[in-house]
Amino acid sequence: MKVLLSALVYLMLSTAVYAGGDPLEVKLKVIDSTSGEALIGAHVRISGCPEVLFTDPDGVISLDASLIDANAELNIEYISYVDASVKMSITPGMTVLAMEPR
């Protein structure tokens, strides 16, 4: 299943932007793999964290990097799409996750 999921999900750049004295921010954008459209309201769970986050109108979630463990895995769910998991890394850019429709 993980091999199939890996084939369906691609990552463009890994994450994080540093601006002045602001905390390091990790960003993830969730899109449809066929149309490239943002998936608004996708459920994002961080491993080991009870909270559920939701993507904004641009399909993006932003997190304070200090809240993410070095081995954190994000689990993403969206109605009518194959669930996805991705390990986050703290590097410049934004992670783009393309979800495959069922």
N, C-alpha and C. Protein backbone atom coordinates (compact mmCIF):
# COMPACT_ATOMS: atom_id res chain seq x y z
N MET A 1 0.83 -1.19 0.00
CA MET A 1 0.00 0.00 0.00
C MET A 1 0.87 1.26 0.00
N LYS A 2 1.96 1.25 0.82
CA LYS A 2 2.83 2.43 0.88
C LYS A 2 3.50 2.68 -0.46
N VAL A 3 3.87 1.60 -1.18
CA VAL A 3 4.51 1.77 -2.49
C VAL A 3 3.51 2.40 -3.46
N LEU A 4 2.27 1.91 -3.45
CA LEU A 4 1.24 2.46 -4.32
C LEU A 4 0.96 3.91 -3.95
N LEU A 5 0.85 4.17 -2.64
CA LEU A 5 0.59 5.53 -2.19
C LEU A 5 1.72 6.46 -2.60
N SER A 6 2.96 5.97 -2.48
CA SER A 6 4.10 6.79 -2.89
C SER A 6 4.05 7.12 -4.37
N ALA A 7 3.57 6.18 -5.18
CA ALA A 7 3.46 6.42 -6.61
C ALA A 7 2.39 7.46 -6.91
N LEU A 8 1.35 7.51 -6.09
CA LEU A 8 0.24 8.43 -6.33
C LEU A 8 0.51 9.84 -5.80
N VAL A 9 1.39 9.91 -4.83
CA VAL A 9 1.66 11.18 -4.16
C VAL A 9 3.04 11.67 -4.53
N TYR A 10 3.16 12.90 -4.95
CA TYR A 10 4.50 13.43 -5.24
C TYR A 10 4.75 14.69 -4.44
N LEU A 11 5.99 14.89 -4.12
CA LEU A 11 6.38 16.08 -3.38
C LEU A 11 7.24 16.93 -4.29
N MET A 12 6.95 18.19 -4.39
CA MET A 12 7.77 19.06 -5.22
C MET A 12 8.94 19.61 -4.42
N LEU A 13 8.72 20.49 -3.54
CA LEU A 13 9.79 21.04 -2.70
C LEU A 13 9.46 20.74 -1.27
N SER A 14 10.44 20.68 -0.41
CA SER A 14 10.16 20.53 1.01
C SER A 14 9.97 21.91 1.61
N THR A 15 9.74 22.01 2.87
CA THR A 15 9.01 23.09 3.48
C THR A 15 9.78 24.15 4.25
N ALA A 16 9.28 25.25 4.51
CA ALA A 16 9.66 26.23 5.53
C ALA A 16 10.21 27.53 5.00
N VAL A 17 9.82 28.57 5.65
CA VAL A 17 10.26 29.91 5.29
C VAL A 17 10.66 30.61 6.57
N TYR A 18 11.79 31.31 6.54
CA TYR A 18 12.22 32.05 7.71
C TYR A 18 12.20 33.54 7.39
N ALA A 19 11.51 34.30 8.21
CA ALA A 19 11.41 35.75 7.97
C ALA A 19 11.74 36.49 9.25
N GLY A 20 12.81 37.28 9.21
CA GLY A 20 13.19 38.10 10.36
C GLY A 20 13.22 37.32 11.65
N GLY A 21 12.65 37.88 12.72
CA GLY A 21 12.63 37.22 14.01
C GLY A 21 11.44 36.30 14.18
N ASP A 22 10.65 36.13 13.13
CA ASP A 22 9.48 35.27 13.21
C ASP A 22 9.90 33.81 13.31
N PRO A 23 9.05 32.98 13.90
CA PRO A 23 9.38 31.56 13.99
C PRO A 23 9.39 30.92 12.60
N LEU A 24 10.15 29.85 12.47
CA LEU A 24 10.20 29.09 11.23
C LEU A 24 8.82 28.53 10.95
N GLU A 25 8.33 28.70 9.73
CA GLU A 25 6.98 28.27 9.38
C GLU A 25 7.04 27.17 8.33
N VAL A 26 6.33 26.08 8.58
CA VAL A 26 6.26 24.95 7.67
C VAL A 26 4.93 25.05 6.93
N LYS A 27 4.98 24.90 5.60
CA LYS A 27 3.76 25.00 4.81
C LYS A 27 3.57 23.75 3.96
N LEU A 28 2.32 23.33 3.85
CA LEU A 28 1.94 22.19 3.03
C LEU A 28 0.75 22.61 2.18
N LYS A 29 0.81 22.38 0.88
CA LYS A 29 -0.31 22.67 -0.02
C LYS A 29 -0.84 21.35 -0.54
N VAL A 30 -2.15 21.14 -0.44
CA VAL A 30 -2.79 19.91 -0.88
C VAL A 30 -3.59 20.21 -2.14
N ILE A 31 -3.29 19.45 -3.21
CA ILE A 31 -3.95 19.67 -4.50
C ILE A 31 -4.49 18.36 -5.07
N ASP A 32 -5.38 18.48 -6.05
CA ASP A 32 -5.89 17.35 -6.82
C ASP A 32 -4.82 16.95 -7.83
N SER A 33 -4.49 15.67 -7.91
CA SER A 33 -3.41 15.23 -8.80
C SER A 33 -3.74 15.36 -10.28
N THR A 34 -5.01 15.39 -10.64
CA THR A 34 -5.36 15.49 -12.05
C THR A 34 -5.58 16.92 -12.52
N SER A 35 -6.23 17.73 -11.69
CA SER A 35 -6.54 19.10 -12.11
C SER A 35 -5.56 20.13 -11.57
N GLY A 36 -4.86 19.81 -10.48
CA GLY A 36 -3.96 20.76 -9.85
C GLY A 36 -4.68 21.77 -8.96
N GLU A 37 -6.00 21.61 -8.82
CA GLU A 37 -6.77 22.54 -7.98
C GLU A 37 -6.52 22.28 -6.50
N ALA A 38 -6.56 23.36 -5.71
CA ALA A 38 -6.39 23.25 -4.26
C ALA A 38 -7.56 22.48 -3.66
N LEU A 39 -7.26 21.65 -2.66
CA LEU A 39 -8.30 20.93 -1.93
C LEU A 39 -8.57 21.67 -0.63
N ILE A 40 -9.67 22.41 -0.62
CA ILE A 40 -10.04 23.25 0.51
C ILE A 40 -10.66 22.39 1.60
N GLY A 41 -10.20 22.55 2.83
CA GLY A 41 -10.77 21.84 3.96
C GLY A 41 -10.29 20.41 4.12
N ALA A 42 -9.17 20.04 3.50
CA ALA A 42 -8.61 18.69 3.70
C ALA A 42 -8.20 18.55 5.17
N HIS A 43 -8.44 17.38 5.75
CA HIS A 43 -8.07 17.11 7.14
C HIS A 43 -6.61 16.73 7.21
N VAL A 44 -5.85 17.40 8.05
CA VAL A 44 -4.42 17.12 8.22
C VAL A 44 -4.16 16.83 9.69
N ARG A 45 -3.63 15.64 9.96
CA ARG A 45 -3.27 15.24 11.32
C ARG A 45 -1.75 15.07 11.40
N ILE A 46 -1.17 15.57 12.48
CA ILE A 46 0.26 15.40 12.72
C ILE A 46 0.41 14.22 13.68
N SER A 47 1.30 13.28 13.34
CA SER A 47 1.50 12.12 14.20
C SER A 47 1.85 12.57 15.62
N GLY A 48 1.19 11.95 16.60
CA GLY A 48 1.45 12.29 17.99
C GLY A 48 0.71 13.52 18.49
N CYS A 49 -0.11 14.13 17.66
CA CYS A 49 -0.84 15.34 18.05
C CYS A 49 -2.34 15.07 17.89
N PRO A 50 -3.15 15.35 18.92
CA PRO A 50 -4.58 15.06 18.83
C PRO A 50 -5.37 16.02 17.96
N GLU A 51 -4.81 17.18 17.64
CA GLU A 51 -5.55 18.18 16.86
C GLU A 51 -5.65 17.80 15.39
N VAL A 52 -6.73 18.25 14.76
CA VAL A 52 -6.91 18.11 13.31
C VAL A 52 -6.85 19.51 12.72
N LEU A 53 -6.06 19.68 11.67
CA LEU A 53 -5.96 20.96 10.98
C LEU A 53 -6.70 20.85 9.66
N PHE A 54 -7.12 21.98 9.11
CA PHE A 54 -7.83 22.00 7.84
C PHE A 54 -7.13 22.96 6.89
N THR A 55 -7.02 22.57 5.62
CA THR A 55 -6.40 23.46 4.64
C THR A 55 -7.29 24.68 4.40
N ASP A 56 -6.67 25.81 4.10
CA ASP A 56 -7.38 27.07 3.87
C ASP A 56 -7.92 27.13 2.43
N PRO A 57 -8.51 28.25 2.00
CA PRO A 57 -9.05 28.35 0.65
C PRO A 57 -8.03 28.16 -0.47
N ASP A 58 -6.74 28.26 -0.15
CA ASP A 58 -5.69 28.01 -1.14
C ASP A 58 -5.16 26.58 -1.03
N GLY A 59 -5.77 25.75 -0.15
CA GLY A 59 -5.32 24.37 0.04
C GLY A 59 -4.07 24.26 0.89
N VAL A 60 -3.78 25.29 1.69
CA VAL A 60 -2.52 25.36 2.45
C VAL A 60 -2.77 25.28 3.96
N ILE A 61 -1.85 24.61 4.66
CA ILE A 61 -1.78 24.72 6.12
C ILE A 61 -0.40 25.26 6.45
N SER A 62 -0.32 26.04 7.51
CA SER A 62 0.96 26.59 7.98
C SER A 62 1.12 26.18 9.43
N LEU A 63 2.33 25.74 9.78
CA LEU A 63 2.62 25.30 11.14
C LEU A 63 3.90 25.93 11.64
N ASP A 64 3.96 26.17 12.93
CA ASP A 64 5.19 26.61 13.56
C ASP A 64 6.11 25.39 13.61
N ALA A 65 7.30 25.48 13.02
CA ALA A 65 8.22 24.34 12.93
C ALA A 65 8.61 23.80 14.30
N SER A 66 8.56 24.63 15.32
CA SER A 66 8.93 24.15 16.66
C SER A 66 7.91 23.14 17.19
N LEU A 67 6.73 23.09 16.59
CA LEU A 67 5.69 22.14 17.01
C LEU A 67 5.81 20.80 16.32
N ILE A 68 6.71 20.70 15.34
CA ILE A 68 6.82 19.48 14.56
C ILE A 68 8.07 18.70 14.96
N ASP A 69 7.88 17.46 15.33
CA ASP A 69 8.97 16.56 15.67
C ASP A 69 9.77 16.28 14.40
N ALA A 70 11.06 16.00 14.55
CA ALA A 70 11.93 15.73 13.39
C ALA A 70 11.42 14.57 12.55
N ASN A 71 10.68 13.63 13.16
CA ASN A 71 10.15 12.48 12.44
C ASN A 71 8.65 12.57 12.23
N ALA A 72 8.10 13.77 12.29
CA ALA A 72 6.65 13.95 12.18
C ALA A 72 6.13 13.46 10.84
N GLU A 73 4.98 12.82 10.91
CA GLU A 73 4.31 12.37 9.70
C GLU A 73 2.95 13.05 9.67
N LEU A 74 2.60 13.60 8.52
CA LEU A 74 1.29 14.22 8.35
C LEU A 74 0.39 13.23 7.62
N ASN A 75 -0.81 13.04 8.15
CA ASN A 75 -1.79 12.17 7.52
C ASN A 75 -2.89 13.06 6.98
N ILE A 76 -3.16 12.95 5.67
CA ILE A 76 -4.10 13.83 5.01
C ILE A 76 -5.28 13.02 4.49
N GLU A 77 -6.49 13.52 4.77
CA GLU A 77 -7.72 12.87 4.31
C GLU A 77 -8.61 13.90 3.64
N TYR A 78 -9.28 13.47 2.58
CA TYR A 78 -10.23 14.34 1.88
C TYR A 78 -11.28 13.44 1.25
N ILE A 79 -12.54 13.81 1.35
CA ILE A 79 -13.62 12.98 0.83
C ILE A 79 -13.39 12.69 -0.66
N SER A 80 -13.58 11.43 -1.03
CA SER A 80 -13.44 10.94 -2.41
C SER A 80 -12.01 10.89 -2.91
N TYR A 81 -11.02 10.98 -2.00
CA TYR A 81 -9.60 10.90 -2.39
C TYR A 81 -8.93 9.81 -1.57
N VAL A 82 -7.88 9.22 -2.12
CA VAL A 82 -7.08 8.23 -1.42
C VAL A 82 -6.32 8.94 -0.30
N ASP A 83 -6.41 8.43 0.94
CA ASP A 83 -5.68 9.02 2.07
C ASP A 83 -4.19 9.01 1.78
N ALA A 84 -3.48 9.99 2.31
CA ALA A 84 -2.05 10.11 2.05
C ALA A 84 -1.30 10.40 3.35
N SER A 85 -0.03 10.01 3.38
CA SER A 85 0.86 10.31 4.50
C SER A 85 2.16 10.85 3.93
N VAL A 86 2.74 11.82 4.62
CA VAL A 86 4.01 12.38 4.16
C VAL A 86 4.83 12.78 5.38
N LYS A 87 6.13 12.50 5.32
CA LYS A 87 7.04 12.96 6.38
C LYS A 87 7.43 14.39 6.06
N MET A 88 7.41 15.23 7.07
CA MET A 88 7.78 16.61 6.86
C MET A 88 9.27 16.80 7.11
N SER A 89 9.86 17.67 6.33
CA SER A 89 11.24 18.07 6.58
C SER A 89 11.27 19.59 6.62
N ILE A 90 12.15 20.12 7.41
CA ILE A 90 12.24 21.56 7.61
C ILE A 90 13.32 22.11 6.69
N THR A 91 12.94 22.45 5.47
CA THR A 91 13.86 23.03 4.49
C THR A 91 13.12 24.13 3.74
N PRO A 92 13.83 25.01 3.03
CA PRO A 92 13.17 26.12 2.33
C PRO A 92 12.13 25.66 1.31
N GLY A 93 11.05 26.42 1.18
CA GLY A 93 10.03 26.15 0.18
C GLY A 93 8.72 25.70 0.79
N MET A 94 7.88 25.12 -0.03
CA MET A 94 6.59 24.62 0.40
C MET A 94 6.43 23.20 -0.12
N THR A 95 5.90 22.31 0.69
CA THR A 95 5.61 20.95 0.24
C THR A 95 4.28 20.98 -0.49
N VAL A 96 4.24 20.38 -1.66
CA VAL A 96 3.00 20.25 -2.42
C VAL A 96 2.65 18.78 -2.46
N LEU A 97 1.46 18.43 -2.01
CA LEU A 97 1.01 17.06 -1.97
C LEU A 97 -0.16 16.91 -2.92
N ALA A 98 -0.01 16.05 -3.93
CA ALA A 98 -1.08 15.81 -4.90
C ALA A 98 -1.83 14.55 -4.48
N MET A 99 -3.13 14.70 -4.19
CA MET A 99 -3.94 13.56 -3.78
C MET A 99 -4.68 12.99 -4.98
N GLU A 100 -4.76 11.68 -5.00
CA GLU A 100 -5.37 10.94 -6.10
C GLU A 100 -6.86 10.71 -5.82
N PRO A 101 -7.75 11.08 -6.77
CA PRO A 101 -9.18 10.80 -6.59
C PRO A 101 -9.41 9.29 -6.54
N ARG A 102 -10.44 8.86 -5.79
CA ARG A 102 -10.78 7.41 -5.73
C ARG A 102 -11.46 7.00 -7.00
